[in-house]
């Protein structure tokens, strides 16, 4: 399984684009080594992820009446 697809399953609230950027920025390591989003994982490998907090200016949904 590709690393970006694996992380998308583990972090469903993050988009695949966000996860690819996190991997490319060097914030994801497989067995202690930074890697690329397309890296194919092998069973038994360890994945270490450092995620940043989502931006504070993200719009929030608001309930409102519609005609």
N, C-alpha and C. Protein backbone atom coordinates (compact mmCIF):
# COMPACT_ATOMS: atom_id res chain seq x y z
N UNK A 1 0.85 -1.17 0.00
CA UNK A 1 0.00 0.00 0.00
C UNK A 1 0.90 1.24 0.00
N UNK A 2 0.48 2.25 -0.75
CA UNK A 2 1.24 3.50 -0.78
C UNK A 2 1.14 4.22 0.57
N UNK A 3 2.21 4.92 0.90
CA UNK A 3 2.26 5.64 2.17
C UNK A 3 1.15 6.68 2.28
N UNK A 4 0.90 7.45 1.23
CA UNK A 4 -0.15 8.48 1.31
C UNK A 4 -1.54 7.86 1.48
N UNK A 5 -1.79 6.73 0.85
CA UNK A 5 -3.08 6.04 1.00
C UNK A 5 -3.23 5.47 2.41
N UNK A 6 -2.14 4.93 2.95
CA UNK A 6 -2.14 4.40 4.31
C UNK A 6 -2.49 5.50 5.31
N UNK A 7 -1.84 6.66 5.16
CA UNK A 7 -2.10 7.77 6.08
C UNK A 7 -3.52 8.32 5.92
N UNK A 8 -4.05 8.30 4.70
CA UNK A 8 -5.41 8.75 4.47
C UNK A 8 -6.41 7.88 5.24
N UNK A 9 -6.12 6.59 5.35
CA UNK A 9 -6.99 5.69 6.12
C UNK A 9 -6.87 5.97 7.61
N UNK A 10 -5.67 6.27 8.07
CA UNK A 10 -5.44 6.49 9.50
C UNK A 10 -5.90 7.87 9.98
N UNK A 11 -5.88 8.86 9.07
CA UNK A 11 -6.27 10.22 9.41
C UNK A 11 -7.36 10.70 8.46
N UNK A 12 -8.60 10.20 8.62
CA UNK A 12 -9.67 10.53 7.67
C UNK A 12 -10.09 12.00 7.66
N UNK A 13 -9.73 12.75 8.69
CA UNK A 13 -10.10 14.17 8.71
C UNK A 13 -9.13 15.03 7.91
N UNK A 14 -8.03 14.46 7.47
CA UNK A 14 -7.03 15.19 6.67
C UNK A 14 -7.20 14.80 5.20
N UNK A 15 -7.03 15.76 4.31
CA UNK A 15 -7.12 15.46 2.88
C UNK A 15 -5.83 14.78 2.43
N UNK A 16 -5.91 14.08 1.31
CA UNK A 16 -4.71 13.42 0.77
C UNK A 16 -3.67 14.45 0.38
N UNK A 17 -4.11 15.63 -0.08
CA UNK A 17 -3.16 16.69 -0.44
C UNK A 17 -2.41 17.16 0.81
N UNK A 18 -3.12 17.36 1.91
CA UNK A 18 -2.47 17.76 3.16
C UNK A 18 -1.46 16.71 3.59
N UNK A 19 -1.85 15.45 3.48
CA UNK A 19 -0.95 14.37 3.89
C UNK A 19 0.27 14.28 2.98
N UNK A 20 0.08 14.47 1.67
CA UNK A 20 1.23 14.46 0.75
C UNK A 20 2.20 15.59 1.08
N UNK A 21 1.65 16.76 1.40
CA UNK A 21 2.51 17.90 1.77
C UNK A 21 3.26 17.60 3.06
N UNK A 22 2.60 16.95 4.01
CA UNK A 22 3.25 16.58 5.27
C UNK A 22 4.39 15.61 5.01
N UNK A 23 4.16 14.63 4.14
CA UNK A 23 5.21 13.66 3.80
C UNK A 23 6.36 14.37 3.10
N UNK A 24 6.05 15.20 2.10
CA UNK A 24 7.08 15.89 1.33
C UNK A 24 7.90 16.85 2.18
N UNK A 25 7.29 17.39 3.24
CA UNK A 25 7.99 18.31 4.14
C UNK A 25 8.94 17.58 5.10
N UNK A 26 8.93 16.25 5.04
CA UNK A 26 9.83 15.47 5.90
C UNK A 26 9.26 15.18 7.26
N UNK A 27 7.94 15.35 7.43
CA UNK A 27 7.29 15.11 8.72
C UNK A 27 6.75 13.69 8.88
N UNK A 28 7.09 12.82 7.95
CA UNK A 28 6.71 11.41 8.03
C UNK A 28 7.97 10.59 7.76
N UNK A 29 8.23 9.63 8.63
CA UNK A 29 9.39 8.76 8.46
C UNK A 29 8.94 7.31 8.49
N UNK A 30 9.54 6.50 7.64
CA UNK A 30 9.29 5.06 7.63
C UNK A 30 10.59 4.40 8.09
N UNK A 31 10.51 3.67 9.19
CA UNK A 31 11.69 3.06 9.80
C UNK A 31 12.81 4.08 10.01
N UNK A 32 12.41 5.30 10.43
CA UNK A 32 13.37 6.33 10.77
C UNK A 32 13.90 7.16 9.61
N UNK A 33 13.45 6.88 8.39
CA UNK A 33 13.93 7.59 7.21
C UNK A 33 12.79 8.35 6.54
N UNK A 34 13.02 9.65 6.23
CA UNK A 34 12.00 10.37 5.46
C UNK A 34 11.83 9.72 4.09
N UNK A 35 10.65 9.83 3.54
CA UNK A 35 10.39 9.16 2.26
C UNK A 35 9.42 9.98 1.43
N UNK A 36 8.98 9.42 0.31
CA UNK A 36 8.08 10.10 -0.62
C UNK A 36 6.65 9.56 -0.46
N UNK A 37 5.65 10.36 -0.90
CA UNK A 37 4.26 9.92 -0.77
C UNK A 37 3.95 8.60 -1.49
N UNK A 38 4.63 8.31 -2.58
CA UNK A 38 4.35 7.11 -3.36
C UNK A 38 5.08 5.87 -2.84
N UNK A 39 5.82 6.01 -1.75
CA UNK A 39 6.57 4.89 -1.18
C UNK A 39 5.61 3.74 -0.87
N UNK A 40 5.99 2.54 -1.24
CA UNK A 40 5.16 1.35 -0.97
C UNK A 40 5.58 0.73 0.36
N UNK A 41 4.64 0.68 1.29
CA UNK A 41 4.90 0.12 2.61
C UNK A 41 4.95 -1.41 2.55
N UNK A 42 5.76 -1.97 3.42
CA UNK A 42 5.88 -3.42 3.57
C UNK A 42 5.40 -3.74 4.99
N UNK A 43 4.64 -4.83 5.17
CA UNK A 43 4.18 -5.18 6.51
C UNK A 43 5.34 -5.24 7.50
N UNK A 44 5.11 -4.67 8.68
CA UNK A 44 6.13 -4.67 9.73
C UNK A 44 6.93 -3.38 9.83
N UNK A 45 6.80 -2.50 8.84
CA UNK A 45 7.52 -1.23 8.91
C UNK A 45 6.83 -0.30 9.89
N UNK A 46 7.62 0.58 10.50
CA UNK A 46 7.09 1.56 11.45
C UNK A 46 7.01 2.92 10.78
N UNK A 47 5.86 3.56 10.96
CA UNK A 47 5.62 4.88 10.37
C UNK A 47 5.48 5.88 11.51
N UNK A 48 6.30 6.94 11.48
CA UNK A 48 6.24 8.00 12.49
C UNK A 48 5.75 9.27 11.79
N UNK A 49 4.68 9.87 12.34
CA UNK A 49 4.05 11.04 11.72
C UNK A 49 4.03 12.19 12.71
N UNK A 50 4.42 13.38 12.24
CA UNK A 50 4.30 14.60 13.02
C UNK A 50 3.34 15.52 12.27
N UNK A 51 2.12 15.66 12.81
CA UNK A 51 1.11 16.50 12.17
C UNK A 51 1.04 17.85 12.85
N UNK A 52 0.87 18.88 12.05
CA UNK A 52 0.66 20.21 12.60
C UNK A 52 -0.83 20.39 12.86
N UNK A 53 -1.15 21.36 13.70
CA UNK A 53 -2.56 21.66 13.98
C UNK A 53 -3.19 22.25 12.74
N UNK A 54 -4.47 21.98 12.50
CA UNK A 54 -5.14 22.59 11.35
C UNK A 54 -5.16 24.11 11.50
N UNK A 55 -5.17 24.84 10.40
CA UNK A 55 -5.19 26.30 10.48
C UNK A 55 -6.37 26.81 11.29
N UNK A 56 -6.14 27.84 12.09
CA UNK A 56 -7.19 28.38 12.96
C UNK A 56 -8.24 29.15 12.16
N UNK A 57 -7.90 29.61 10.96
CA UNK A 57 -8.84 30.40 10.19
C UNK A 57 -9.74 29.56 9.28
N UNK A 58 -9.82 28.27 9.53
CA UNK A 58 -10.66 27.40 8.74
C UNK A 58 -12.13 27.75 8.99
N UNK A 59 -12.90 27.98 7.93
CA UNK A 59 -14.32 28.31 8.13
C UNK A 59 -15.06 27.17 8.81
N UNK A 60 -16.02 27.54 9.62
CA UNK A 60 -16.83 26.54 10.35
C UNK A 60 -18.26 26.60 9.80
N UNK A 61 -18.90 25.45 9.76
CA UNK A 61 -20.30 25.39 9.31
C UNK A 61 -21.20 26.08 10.35
N UNK A 62 -22.23 26.70 9.86
CA UNK A 62 -23.16 27.41 10.73
C UNK A 62 -24.59 27.07 10.32
N UNK A 63 -25.42 26.71 11.28
CA UNK A 63 -26.82 26.39 10.99
C UNK A 63 -27.57 27.68 10.63
N UNK A 64 -28.35 27.62 9.56
CA UNK A 64 -29.14 28.78 9.16
C UNK A 64 -30.38 28.33 8.41
N UNK A 65 -31.43 29.09 8.50
CA UNK A 65 -32.66 28.77 7.81
C UNK A 65 -32.58 29.22 6.37
N UNK A 66 -33.07 28.37 5.49
CA UNK A 66 -33.09 28.69 4.06
C UNK A 66 -34.52 28.69 3.56
N UNK A 67 -34.82 29.55 2.63
CA UNK A 67 -36.16 29.61 2.05
C UNK A 67 -36.32 28.56 0.98
